[in-house]
Amino acid sequence: MTTTLWLVRHPAPQMPPGRCYGRLDVAADAAAVEAAAQRWHARLPPRVRLVASPARRAHALAEALRQRRALAAPVAVDERLQELDFGAWEGQPWTDIPMAELHAWCADFAHYRPGGGESVAALLQRVRSALRDARAAAANLAVAGKASPAGAPQALVWITHAGVIRAVRYTLRHGARALPAVAQHWPRRAPAFGGGLRIDLTARDFP
């Protein structure tokens, strides 16, 4: 059995465009939650284990998907899957954030704490910790699948944020100890709201 990790970005939040939000607990648009739940219900394998960021915009999708699947187990919540904490920048229009602070962040991208919040290095540390646990869980699920293939989960599903998904992609490309010195080294692409990507946990050399 091949165990996979699906990285799913939360649906569109109820937030005016052009504002900074990371740890800010913004609810997702209800219609977007239902549409994403329908798509992922059709796309994911029959048996999954759902793990969500505690943010409402992520947990709402996880819960909607759990109900569609009629899963008995509650959605697991993992604090490590939260978005980057932007501190005092949270909720501000990006255009109101002093350009000098943005330049300082880009120049020391790994260690600068935007708005006095969380550094990208700290984000990578917690995401890599979650990846290690996911790989261990995948190994356990593979063993369980051999013993009881009809009942073991076929995939782990993280319902999370763009920053977390970028952190995973950066780690897979550059390794478990790498840090982005400048902003240009950080992955630009992330799934659209409600989108996601799949990783083969059994074939990767995770940190």
C-alpha atoms as a PDB file:
ATOM      1  CA  MET A   1       0.000   0.000   0.000  1.00  0.00           C
ATOM      2  CA  THR A   2       1.289   3.472  -0.883  1.00  0.00           C
ATOM      3  CA  THR A   3       0.431   6.065   1.727  1.00  0.00           C
ATOM      4  CA  THR A   4       0.183   9.623   0.542  1.00  0.00           C
ATOM      5  CA  LEU A   5       0.001  13.030   2.153  1.00  0.00           C
ATOM      6  CA  TRP A   6      -2.459  15.445   0.616  1.00  0.00           C
ATOM      7  CA  LEU A   7      -1.746  19.116   1.284  1.00  0.00           C
ATOM      8  CA  VAL A   8      -5.029  21.012   0.967  1.00  0.00           C
ATOM      9  CA  ARG A   9      -5.282  24.791   1.219  1.00  0.00           C
ATOM     10  CA  HIS A  10      -8.268  26.231   3.033  1.00  0.00           C
ATOM     11  CA  PRO A  11     -11.140  27.768   1.021  1.00  0.00           C
ATOM     12  CA  ALA A  12     -11.358  31.499   0.333  1.00  0.00           C
ATOM     13  CA  PRO A  13     -11.574  33.508   3.562  1.00  0.00           C
ATOM     14  CA  GLN A  14     -14.063  36.250   4.304  1.00  0.00           C
ATOM     15  CA  MET A  15     -11.396  38.936   4.135  1.00  0.00           C
ATOM     16  CA  PRO A  16     -11.087  42.087   2.035  1.00  0.00           C
ATOM     17  CA  PRO A  17      -8.498  41.633  -0.695  1.00  0.00           C
ATOM     18  CA  GLY A  18      -5.069  43.110  -0.220  1.00  0.00           C
ATOM     19  CA  ARG A  19      -4.856  42.589   3.541  1.00  0.00           C
ATOM     20  CA  CYS A  20      -2.255  40.684   5.486  1.00  0.00           C
ATOM     21  CA  TYR A  21      -3.551  37.710   7.411  1.00  0.00           C
ATOM     22  CA  GLY A  22      -1.781  34.685   8.737  1.00  0.00           C
ATOM     23  CA  ARG A  23      -2.560  33.662  12.280  1.00  0.00           C
ATOM     24  CA  LEU A  24      -5.609  35.952  12.167  1.00  0.00           C
ATOM     25  CA  ASP A  25      -8.569  33.594  12.585  1.00  0.00           C
ATOM     26  CA  VAL A  26     -10.665  34.526   9.570  1.00  0.00           C
ATOM     27  CA  ALA A  27     -13.666  32.364   8.718  1.00  0.00           C
ATOM     28  CA  ALA A  28     -13.986  30.866   5.251  1.00  0.00           C
ATOM     29  CA  ASP A  29     -16.831  31.662   2.905  1.00  0.00           C
ATOM     30  CA  ALA A  30     -19.540  29.046   3.551  1.00  0.00           C
ATOM     31  CA  ALA A  31     -20.264  28.415  -0.129  1.00  0.00           C
ATOM     32  CA  ALA A  32     -16.545  27.987  -0.825  1.00  0.00           C
ATOM     33  CA  VAL A  33     -16.302  25.452   2.015  1.00  0.00           C
ATOM     34  CA  GLU A  34     -19.123  23.342   0.596  1.00  0.00           C
ATOM     35  CA  ALA A  35     -17.733  23.494  -2.945  1.00  0.00           C
ATOM     36  CA  ALA A  36     -14.265  22.459  -1.771  1.00  0.00           C
ATOM     37  CA  ALA A  37     -15.680  19.655   0.377  1.00  0.00           C
ATOM     38  CA  GLN A  38     -17.580  18.292  -2.608  1.00  0.00           C
ATOM     39  CA  ARG A  39     -14.475  18.365  -4.833  1.00  0.00           C
ATOM     40  CA  TRP A  40     -12.244  16.688  -2.265  1.00  0.00           C
ATOM     41  CA  HIS A  41     -14.867  14.108  -1.365  1.00  0.00           C
ATOM     42  CA  ALA A  42     -14.781  13.000  -5.003  1.00  0.00           C
ATOM     43  CA  ARG A  43     -11.011  13.228  -5.372  1.00  0.00           C
ATOM     44  CA  LEU A  44      -9.620  11.611  -2.215  1.00  0.00           C
ATOM     45  CA  PRO A  45      -9.383   7.836  -1.697  1.00  0.00           C
ATOM     46  CA  PRO A  46     -12.162   6.224   0.344  1.00  0.00           C
ATOM     47  CA  ARG A  47     -10.277   6.023   3.659  1.00  0.00           C
ATOM     48  CA  VAL A  48      -8.419   9.057   4.919  1.00  0.00           C
ATOM     49  CA  ARG A  49      -7.167  10.544   8.166  1.00  0.00           C
ATOM     50  CA  LEU A  50      -7.992  14.253   8.417  1.00  0.00           C
ATOM     51  CA  VAL A  51      -5.651  16.656  10.204  1.00  0.00           C
ATOM     52  CA  ALA A  52      -6.391  20.376  10.212  1.00  0.00           C
ATOM     53  CA  SER A  53      -4.958  23.665  11.273  1.00  0.00           C
ATOM     54  CA  PRO A  54      -6.955  25.103  14.187  1.00  0.00           C
ATOM     55  CA  ALA A  55      -7.889  28.144  12.080  1.00  0.00           C
ATOM     56  CA  ARG A  56     -11.616  28.264  11.338  1.00  0.00           C
ATOM     57  CA  ARG A  57     -11.061  28.570   7.588  1.00  0.00           C
ATOM     58  CA  ALA A  58      -9.177  25.261   7.590  1.00  0.00           C
ATOM     59  CA  HIS A  59     -11.111  23.365  10.225  1.00  0.00           C
ATOM     60  CA  ALA A  60     -14.443  24.187   8.551  1.00  0.00           C
ATOM     61  CA  LEU A  61     -13.390  22.348   5.397  1.00  0.00           C
ATOM     62  CA  ALA A  62     -12.070  19.394   7.392  1.00  0.00           C
ATOM     63  CA  GLU A  63     -15.328  19.108   9.296  1.00  0.00           C
ATOM     64  CA  ALA A  64     -17.441  19.424   6.134  1.00  0.00           C
ATOM     65  CA  LEU A  65     -15.387  16.670   4.523  1.00  0.00           C
ATOM     66  CA  ARG A  66     -15.649  14.502   7.644  1.00  0.00           C
ATOM     67  CA  GLN A  67     -19.424  14.803   7.545  1.00  0.00           C
ATOM     68  CA  ARG A  68     -19.590  13.975   3.838  1.00  0.00           C
ATOM     69  CA  ARG A  69     -17.491  10.889   4.463  1.00  0.00           C
ATOM     70  CA  ALA A  70     -19.501  10.015   7.602  1.00  0.00           C
ATOM     71  CA  LEU A  71     -16.223   9.478   9.436  1.00  0.00           C
ATOM     72  CA  ALA A  72     -16.599   8.480  13.052  1.00  0.00           C
ATOM     73  CA  ALA A  73     -13.238   9.874  14.152  1.00  0.00           C
ATOM     74  CA  PRO A  74     -13.167  13.603  14.876  1.00  0.00           C
ATOM     75  CA  VAL A  75     -10.899  15.881  12.869  1.00  0.00           C
ATOM     76  CA  ALA A  76      -7.434  15.927  14.419  1.00  0.00           C
ATOM     77  CA  VAL A  77      -6.120  19.449  15.060  1.00  0.00           C
ATOM     78  CA  ASP A  78      -2.405  20.180  14.802  1.00  0.00           C
ATOM     79  CA  GLU A  79      -1.110  23.606  15.890  1.00  0.00           C
ATOM     80  CA  ARG A  80       1.954  23.092  13.676  1.00  0.00           C
ATOM     81  CA  LEU A  81      -0.219  23.429  10.577  1.00  0.00           C
ATOM     82  CA  GLN A  82      -1.119  27.062  11.285  1.00  0.00           C
ATOM     83  CA  GLU A  83      -0.158  29.871   8.950  1.00  0.00           C
ATOM     84  CA  LEU A  84       2.793  32.161   9.645  1.00  0.00           C
ATOM     85  CA  ASP A  85       2.139  34.665  12.439  1.00  0.00           C
ATOM     86  CA  PHE A  86       2.547  38.181  11.060  1.00  0.00           C
ATOM     87  CA  GLY A  87       2.276  39.863  14.450  1.00  0.00           C
ATOM     88  CA  ALA A  88       1.329  43.544  14.223  1.00  0.00           C
ATOM     89  CA  TRP A  89       0.862  43.243  10.460  1.00  0.00           C
ATOM     90  CA  GLU A  90      -2.178  41.014  10.889  1.00  0.00           C
ATOM     91  CA  GLY A  91      -5.315  42.517   9.354  1.00  0.00           C
ATOM     92  CA  GLN A  92      -3.502  45.516   7.860  1.00  0.00           C
ATOM     93  CA  PRO A  93      -3.583  46.367   4.162  1.00  0.00           C
ATOM     94  CA  TRP A  94      -0.247  45.388   2.652  1.00  0.00           C
ATOM     95  CA  THR A  95       0.022  48.931   1.315  1.00  0.00           C
ATOM     96  CA  ASP A  96      -0.024  50.299   4.895  1.00  0.00           C
ATOM     97  CA  ILE A  97       2.948  48.218   6.038  1.00  0.00           C
ATOM     98  CA  PRO A  98       6.113  50.373   5.981  1.00  0.00           C
ATOM     99  CA  MET A  99       8.243  49.599   2.950  1.00  0.00           C
ATOM    100  CA  ALA A 100      11.362  49.557   5.128  1.00  0.00           C
ATOM    101  CA  GLU A 101       9.924  46.641   7.134  1.00  0.00           C
ATOM    102  CA  LEU A 102       9.062  44.707   3.985  1.00  0.00           C
ATOM    103  CA  HIS A 103      12.581  45.261   2.641  1.00  0.00           C
ATOM    104  CA  ALA A 104      14.078  44.141   5.954  1.00  0.00           C
ATOM    105  CA  TRP A 105      12.057  40.926   5.803  1.00  0.00           C
ATOM    106  CA  CYS A 106      13.078  40.217   2.209  1.00  0.00           C
ATOM    107  CA  ALA A 107      16.743  40.815   3.063  1.00  0.00           C
ATOM    108  CA  ASP A 108      16.770  38.411   6.027  1.00  0.00           C
ATOM    109  CA  PHE A 109      13.900  36.211   4.994  1.00  0.00           C
ATOM    110  CA  ALA A 110      14.622  33.245   7.241  1.00  0.00           C
ATOM    111  CA  HIS A 111      15.103  35.042  10.549  1.00  0.00           C
ATOM    112  CA  TYR A 112      13.216  38.349  10.338  1.00  0.00           C
ATOM    113  CA  ARG A 113       9.957  38.314  12.313  1.00  0.00           C
ATOM    114  CA  PRO A 114       7.369  40.234  10.250  1.00  0.00           C
ATOM    115  CA  GLY A 115       5.364  42.499  12.508  1.00  0.00           C
ATOM    116  CA  GLY A 116       7.219  41.029  15.470  1.00  0.00           C
ATOM    117  CA  GLY A 117       5.480  37.704  14.845  1.00  0.00           C
ATOM    118  CA  GLU A 118       7.057  34.466  13.627  1.00  0.00           C
ATOM    119  CA  SER A 119      10.097  33.928  11.431  1.00  0.00           C
ATOM    120  CA  VAL A 120      10.131  31.664   8.395  1.00  0.00           C
ATOM    121  CA  ALA A 121      12.815  29.615  10.178  1.00  0.00           C
ATOM    122  CA  ALA A 122      10.354  28.956  13.007  1.00  0.00           C
ATOM    123  CA  LEU A 123       7.639  28.053  10.484  1.00  0.00           C
ATOM    124  CA  LEU A 124       9.989  25.568   8.813  1.00  0.00           C
ATOM    125  CA  GLN A 125      10.957  24.052  12.152  1.00  0.00           C
ATOM    126  CA  ARG A 126       7.383  23.242  13.139  1.00  0.00           C
ATOM    127  CA  VAL A 127       6.334  22.089   9.673  1.00  0.00           C
ATOM    128  CA  ARG A 128       9.345  19.763   9.494  1.00  0.00           C
ATOM    129  CA  SER A 129       8.392  18.353  12.868  1.00  0.00           C
ATOM    130  CA  ALA A 130       4.908  17.631  11.506  1.00  0.00           C
ATOM    131  CA  LEU A 131       6.434  16.027   8.406  1.00  0.00           C
ATOM    132  CA  ARG A 132       8.530  13.686  10.527  1.00  0.00           C
ATOM    133  CA  ASP A 133       5.403  12.621  12.384  1.00  0.00           C
ATOM    134  CA  ALA A 134       3.518  12.195   9.103  1.00  0.00           C
ATOM    135  CA  ARG A 135       6.216   9.908   7.737  1.00  0.00           C
ATOM    136  CA  ALA A 136       6.151   7.828  10.918  1.00  0.00           C
ATOM    137  CA  ALA A 137       2.357   7.658  10.703  1.00  0.00           C
ATOM    138  CA  ALA A 138       2.630   6.576   7.058  1.00  0.00           C
ATOM    139  CA  ALA A 139       4.901   3.717   8.056  1.00  0.00           C
ATOM    140  CA  ASN A 140       2.398   2.639  10.705  1.00  0.00           C
ATOM    141  CA  LEU A 141      -0.486   2.885   8.241  1.00  0.00           C
ATOM    142  CA  ALA A 142       1.431   0.747   5.739  1.00  0.00           C
ATOM    143  CA  VAL A 143       1.892  -1.945   8.381  1.00  0.00           C
ATOM    144  CA  ALA A 144      -1.769  -1.696   9.372  1.00  0.00           C
ATOM    145  CA  GLY A 145      -2.759  -1.900   5.731  1.00  0.00           C
ATOM    146  CA  LYS A 146      -0.929  -5.200   5.298  1.00  0.00           C
ATOM    147  CA  ALA A 147      -2.652  -6.621   8.361  1.00  0.00           C
ATOM    148  CA  SER A 148      -6.076  -5.174   7.591  1.00  0.00           C
ATOM    149  CA  PRO A 149      -6.134  -3.645   4.089  1.00  0.00           C
ATOM    150  CA  ALA A 150      -9.890  -3.076   4.211  1.00  0.00           C
ATOM    151  CA  GLY A 151      -9.749  -0.823   7.264  1.00  0.00           C
ATOM    152  CA  ALA A 152      -6.490   1.127   7.300  1.00  0.00           C
ATOM    153  CA  PRO A 153      -6.490   4.750   6.076  1.00  0.00           C
ATOM    154  CA  GLN A 154      -5.059   5.115   2.581  1.00  0.00           C
ATOM    155  CA  ALA A 155      -3.917   8.715   2.939  1.00  0.00           C
ATOM    156  CA  LEU A 156      -3.194  11.493   5.394  1.00  0.00           C
ATOM    157  CA  VAL A 157      -4.839  14.815   4.596  1.00  0.00           C
ATOM    158  CA  TRP A 158      -3.553  18.110   5.966  1.00  0.00           C
ATOM    159  CA  ILE A 159      -6.008  20.969   5.604  1.00  0.00           C
ATOM    160  CA  THR A 160      -3.767  23.931   6.076  1.00  0.00           C
ATOM    161  CA  HIS A 161      -2.406  27.176   4.597  1.00  0.00           C
ATOM    162  CA  ALA A 162      -0.274  28.434   1.730  1.00  0.00           C
ATOM    163  CA  GLY A 163       2.707  29.157   3.994  1.00  0.00           C
ATOM    164  CA  VAL A 164       2.745  25.611   5.354  1.00  0.00           C
ATOM    165  CA  ILE A 165       2.495  24.135   1.851  1.00  0.00           C
ATOM    166  CA  ARG A 166       5.353  26.359   0.667  1.00  0.00           C
ATOM    167  CA  ALA A 167       7.398  25.207   3.671  1.00  0.00           C
ATOM    168  CA  VAL A 168       6.843  21.570   2.660  1.00  0.00           C
ATOM    169  CA  ARG A 169       7.789  22.268  -0.951  1.00  0.00           C
ATOM    170  CA  TYR A 170      10.917  24.176   0.116  1.00  0.00           C
ATOM    171  CA  THR A 171      11.979  21.321   2.398  1.00  0.00           C
ATOM    172  CA  LEU A 172      11.485  18.680  -0.282  1.00  0.00           C
ATOM    173  CA  ARG A 173      13.532  20.686  -2.756  1.00  0.00           C
ATOM    174  CA  HIS A 174      16.357  21.930  -0.529  1.00  0.00           C
ATOM    175  CA  GLY A 175      16.553  19.528   2.404  1.00  0.00           C
ATOM    176  CA  ALA A 176      15.758  19.391   6.083  1.00  0.00           C
ATOM    177  CA  ARG A 177      18.300  21.955   7.260  1.00  0.00           C
ATOM    178  CA  ALA A 178      18.098  24.530   4.494  1.00  0.00           C
ATOM    179  CA  LEU A 179      16.893  28.068   5.171  1.00  0.00           C
ATOM    180  CA  PRO A 180      15.972  30.671   2.545  1.00  0.00           C
ATOM    181  CA  ALA A 181      18.472  33.514   2.870  1.00  0.00           C
ATOM    182  CA  VAL A 182      16.367  35.912   0.792  1.00  0.00           C
ATOM    183  CA  ALA A 183      12.726  36.012  -0.282  1.00  0.00           C
ATOM    184  CA  GLN A 184      13.616  34.976  -3.863  1.00  0.00           C
ATOM    185  CA  HIS A 185      14.569  31.522  -2.552  1.00  0.00           C
ATOM    186  CA  TRP A 186      11.083  30.861  -1.161  1.00  0.00           C
ATOM    187  CA  PRO A 187       8.568  29.004  -3.376  1.00  0.00           C
ATOM    188  CA  ARG A 188       6.301  31.453  -5.132  1.00  0.00           C
ATOM    189  CA  ARG A 189       3.579  29.034  -6.124  1.00  0.00           C
ATOM    190  CA  ALA A 190       0.950  27.620  -3.801  1.00  0.00           C
ATOM    191  CA  PRO A 191      -2.357  25.882  -4.535  1.00  0.00           C
ATOM    192  CA  ALA A 192      -5.351  28.127  -5.067  1.00  0.00           C
ATOM    193  CA  PHE A 193      -7.921  28.430  -2.293  1.00  0.00           C
ATOM    194  CA  GLY A 194      -9.496  25.007  -1.864  1.00  0.00           C
ATOM    195  CA  GLY A 195      -6.806  23.390  -4.011  1.00  0.00           C
ATOM    196  CA  GLY A 196      -3.996  21.071  -3.069  1.00  0.00           C
ATOM    197  CA  LEU A 197      -1.287  18.656  -4.051  1.00  0.00           C
ATOM    198  CA  ARG A 198      -0.226  15.093  -3.270  1.00  0.00           C
ATOM    199  CA  ILE A 199       3.053  13.779  -1.857  1.00  0.00           C
ATOM    200  CA  ASP A 200       4.165  10.159  -1.712  1.00  0.00           C
ATOM    201  CA  LEU A 201       5.269   9.689   1.891  1.00  0.00           C
ATOM    202  CA  THR A 202       6.824   6.295   1.279  1.00  0.00           C
ATOM    203  CA  ALA A 203       9.099   7.491  -1.513  1.00  0.00           C
ATOM    204  CA  ARG A 204      10.503  10.685  -0.021  1.00  0.00           C
ATOM    205  CA  ASP A 205      13.474  11.136   2.275  1.00  0.00           C
ATOM    206  CA  PHE A 206      11.757  13.394   4.762  1.00  0.00           C
ATOM    207  CA  PRO A 207      13.566  15.275   7.521  1.00  0.00           C
END
